[in-house]
Amino acid sequence: MSLNQNESKGFTVPGLDPGDAKEAIEILDERLVALIDLGLTLKHIHWNVVGPLFIGVHEMLDPQYEAISGMADKTAERIALLGGVPVGTPGAVVNRRSWDDYELGRDTVQAHLGALEVVYSGVIPDHRAARTRLAELDPVSEDLMIEQLRELEMFQWFVRAHLQSAAGELSVTAGTERKAAAQAVLS
C-alpha cells in the first residue's frame, strides 16, 4: 500500500509538533502543485511566444523555468523531510490544482506577457499566505517560502517591465489571462 501526499510516514523533524508538521505538509503540497504548474506554463510560453521581441522573452523564460523547477524540488524535499509524501505526477497535479489551465497557445510576446502577469499575480499572493501560516508552524518552511518569494517577485518584475509605460503604469489590469493578453497587445 502506498502513501498519498497527506499521509505521514510517522516521523517529522525533531522538535516539531506532528500536527504542525502535517499542516505544514498540506500547505507545502499546495505550493508544490502551483510551482509545477507554473514551470510547465513557463515552458509552454517559451515554446509558443512569437513576434519582434521573441528572442529576448524566449531567453528570459528559460532561467525562470529552471529556478521554478528548483523551487519545486526544494518544496518536495521539504515535504519528504517533514514525513510527507510529495506527489508530482501530471494527473495528481491536475487533480489537486484549483485553477484552470493556461489559456493562450501560440501568441505574441505582449499577449503572453500580459497573461503571465496574471499567472504571477495568482501565485505570489498564495505563496505569501503560505509563508504567513508557516511562520506559526515551521520557521524553516517559512524561510523556504521567503526565499522563493524573492525570486517569484523578481520574475514578475521582469514581466512587468515589458508591460509598463515610462511613467510606470501597467498596461494590464484584467483578472483573466485572455483579457490581460488583449490589454497588453493594445498598449
Protein backbone atom coordinates (compact mmCIF):
# COMPACT_ATOMS: atom_id res chain seq x y z
CA MET A 1 0.00 0.00 0.00
CA SER A 2 1.45 3.37 -0.97
CA LEU A 3 1.02 6.59 0.97
CA ASN A 4 -0.77 9.57 -0.54
CA GLN A 5 0.51 13.12 -0.17
CA ASN A 6 -1.42 13.74 3.06
CA GLU A 7 -0.28 10.65 4.90
CA SER A 8 2.80 10.65 7.08
CA LYS A 9 5.47 8.01 7.47
CA GLY A 10 5.11 8.51 11.23
CA PHE A 11 8.03 10.87 11.66
CA THR A 12 8.90 14.50 11.32
CA VAL A 13 11.89 16.62 12.25
CA PRO A 14 12.85 16.57 15.94
CA GLY A 15 11.21 19.32 17.95
CA LEU A 16 8.35 19.91 15.50
CA ASP A 17 4.86 19.04 16.68
CA PRO A 18 3.44 16.26 14.44
CA GLY A 19 0.19 18.19 13.99
CA ASP A 20 2.11 21.27 12.90
CA ALA A 21 4.17 19.11 10.53
CA LYS A 22 1.00 17.66 8.99
CA GLU A 23 -0.43 21.12 8.37
CA ALA A 24 2.90 22.37 7.01
CA ILE A 25 2.98 19.40 4.62
CA GLU A 26 -0.50 20.29 3.35
CA ILE A 27 0.49 23.92 2.78
CA LEU A 28 3.74 22.93 1.06
CA ASP A 29 1.84 20.44 -1.10
CA GLU A 30 -0.40 23.24 -2.40
CA ARG A 31 2.67 25.29 -3.23
CA LEU A 32 4.30 22.28 -4.92
CA VAL A 33 1.30 21.94 -7.23
CA ALA A 34 1.44 25.66 -8.04
CA LEU A 35 5.17 25.56 -8.76
CA ILE A 36 4.94 22.52 -11.02
CA ASP A 37 2.07 24.15 -12.90
CA LEU A 38 3.95 27.46 -13.16
CA GLY A 39 7.04 25.71 -14.51
CA LEU A 40 5.04 23.95 -17.20
CA THR A 41 3.29 27.20 -18.08
CA LEU A 42 6.63 28.98 -18.47
CA LYS A 43 7.88 26.26 -20.84
CA HIS A 44 4.61 26.43 -22.79
CA ILE A 45 5.02 30.18 -23.23
CA HIS A 46 8.72 29.73 -24.12
CA TRP A 47 7.72 27.39 -26.98
CA ASN A 48 4.75 29.44 -28.21
CA VAL A 49 5.77 33.09 -27.98
CA VAL A 50 6.22 34.91 -31.31
CA GLY A 51 6.87 38.43 -32.52
CA PRO A 52 9.58 41.08 -32.80
CA LEU A 53 10.73 40.69 -29.16
CA PHE A 54 10.69 36.88 -29.38
CA ILE A 55 14.32 36.10 -28.62
CA GLY A 56 14.62 38.32 -25.55
CA VAL A 57 11.49 36.90 -23.94
CA HIS A 58 12.24 33.34 -25.11
CA GLU A 59 15.63 33.56 -23.38
CA MET A 60 14.22 35.35 -20.31
CA LEU A 61 11.85 32.45 -19.63
CA ASP A 62 14.42 29.63 -19.51
CA PRO A 63 16.13 30.86 -16.31
CA GLN A 64 12.70 31.41 -14.75
CA TYR A 65 11.73 27.84 -15.65
CA GLU A 66 14.99 26.48 -14.18
CA ALA A 67 14.51 28.45 -10.96
CA ILE A 68 10.87 27.38 -10.61
CA SER A 69 11.88 23.74 -11.15
CA GLY A 70 14.44 24.16 -8.38
CA MET A 71 11.78 25.66 -6.11
CA ALA A 72 9.50 22.69 -6.76
CA ASP A 73 12.35 20.30 -5.96
CA LYS A 74 13.18 22.04 -2.66
CA THR A 75 9.49 22.13 -1.73
CA ALA A 76 9.07 18.42 -2.46
CA GLU A 77 12.19 17.61 -0.45
CA ARG A 78 10.87 19.66 2.49
CA ILE A 79 7.59 17.71 2.34
CA ALA A 80 9.54 14.43 2.46
CA LEU A 81 11.79 15.69 5.26
CA LEU A 82 8.70 16.56 7.33
CA GLY A 83 7.42 13.00 6.86
CA GLY A 84 5.05 13.59 3.95
CA VAL A 85 4.99 12.09 0.50
CA PRO A 86 5.44 14.60 -2.31
CA VAL A 87 3.41 13.68 -5.38
CA GLY A 88 4.28 15.45 -8.60
CA THR A 89 2.78 13.22 -11.25
CA PRO A 90 0.82 15.01 -14.01
CA GLY A 91 -2.53 13.52 -13.01
CA ALA A 92 -2.03 14.30 -9.34
CA VAL A 93 -1.09 17.89 -10.14
CA VAL A 94 -4.16 18.41 -12.35
CA ASN A 95 -6.45 16.80 -9.77
CA ARG A 96 -5.12 18.95 -6.92
CA ARG A 97 -4.99 22.36 -8.57
CA SER A 98 -7.86 24.79 -8.06
CA TRP A 99 -7.34 26.93 -11.18
CA ASP A 100 -7.90 26.49 -14.89
CA ASP A 101 -5.21 25.64 -17.40
CA TYR A 102 -3.23 28.45 -19.05
CA GLU A 103 -5.41 29.91 -21.79
CA LEU A 104 -3.06 31.02 -24.59
CA GLY A 105 -1.47 28.94 -27.32
CA ARG A 106 0.80 30.43 -29.98
CA ASP A 107 0.62 34.20 -29.48
CA THR A 108 2.63 37.40 -29.42
CA VAL A 109 5.17 38.43 -26.84
CA GLN A 110 2.87 41.09 -25.42
CA ALA A 111 -0.11 38.75 -25.21
CA HIS A 112 1.85 36.07 -23.36
CA LEU A 113 3.48 38.56 -21.02
CA GLY A 114 0.08 40.07 -20.20
CA ALA A 115 -1.26 36.61 -19.39
CA LEU A 116 1.90 35.67 -17.45
CA GLU A 117 1.43 38.79 -15.32
CA VAL A 118 -1.95 37.35 -14.27
CA VAL A 119 -0.35 33.97 -13.51
CA TYR A 120 2.31 35.52 -11.27
CA SER A 121 -0.37 37.69 -9.63
CA GLY A 122 -2.09 34.45 -8.60
CA VAL A 123 0.97 32.51 -7.45
CA ILE A 124 2.66 35.24 -5.39
CA PRO A 125 -0.23 36.12 -3.02
CA ASP A 126 -0.81 32.41 -2.36
CA HIS A 127 2.89 31.99 -1.57
CA ARG A 128 2.66 34.97 0.79
CA ALA A 129 -0.34 33.45 2.57
CA ALA A 130 1.54 30.15 2.89
CA ARG A 131 4.53 31.99 4.34
CA THR A 132 2.32 33.69 6.91
CA ARG A 133 0.76 30.42 8.08
CA LEU A 134 4.09 28.56 8.04
CA ALA A 135 5.57 31.24 10.32
CA GLU A 136 3.32 29.84 13.06
CA LEU A 137 4.02 26.18 12.25
CA ASP A 138 7.57 25.75 10.99
CA PRO A 139 10.04 28.61 10.57
CA VAL A 140 12.27 26.53 8.28
CA SER A 141 9.40 26.02 5.82
CA GLU A 142 8.58 29.72 6.20
CA ASP A 143 12.17 30.52 5.23
CA LEU A 144 11.77 28.38 2.11
CA MET A 145 8.72 30.43 1.12
CA ILE A 146 10.60 33.69 1.73
CA GLU A 147 13.47 32.51 -0.46
CA GLN A 148 11.04 31.56 -3.22
CA LEU A 149 9.09 34.80 -2.95
CA ARG A 150 12.27 36.80 -3.60
CA GLU A 151 12.69 35.12 -6.97
CA LEU A 152 8.99 34.98 -7.88
CA GLU A 153 8.62 38.71 -7.25
CA MET A 154 11.74 39.43 -9.29
CA PHE A 155 10.42 37.34 -12.20
CA GLN A 156 7.12 39.21 -12.10
CA TRP A 157 9.09 42.46 -12.15
CA PHE A 158 10.87 41.26 -15.32
CA VAL A 159 7.49 40.54 -16.93
CA ARG A 160 6.00 43.84 -15.77
CA ALA A 161 8.93 45.78 -17.25
CA HIS A 162 7.62 44.76 -20.68
CA LEU A 163 4.10 45.89 -19.77
CA GLN A 164 4.81 49.29 -18.20
CA SER A 165 4.79 52.75 -19.64
CA ALA A 166 7.71 55.08 -19.00
CA ALA A 167 5.62 56.51 -16.13
CA GLY A 168 5.47 53.04 -14.55
CA GLU A 169 1.81 52.35 -15.30
CA LEU A 170 0.91 48.74 -16.09
CA SER A 171 -0.97 48.17 -19.34
CA VAL A 172 -2.62 45.10 -17.84
CA THR A 173 -5.41 45.39 -15.28
CA ALA A 174 -7.65 42.47 -16.26
CA GLY A 175 -8.09 39.49 -13.98
CA THR A 176 -8.12 36.78 -16.65
CA GLU A 177 -5.26 35.66 -18.85
CA ARG A 178 -7.16 36.26 -22.12
CA LYS A 179 -8.30 39.76 -21.11
CA ALA A 180 -4.81 40.65 -19.87
CA ALA A 181 -3.32 39.37 -23.12
CA ALA A 182 -5.73 41.54 -25.12
CA GLN A 183 -4.95 44.61 -22.99
CA ALA A 184 -1.21 44.05 -23.34
CA VAL A 185 -1.47 43.78 -27.14
CA LEU A 186 -3.47 47.02 -27.36
CA SER A 187 -0.99 49.05 -25.32
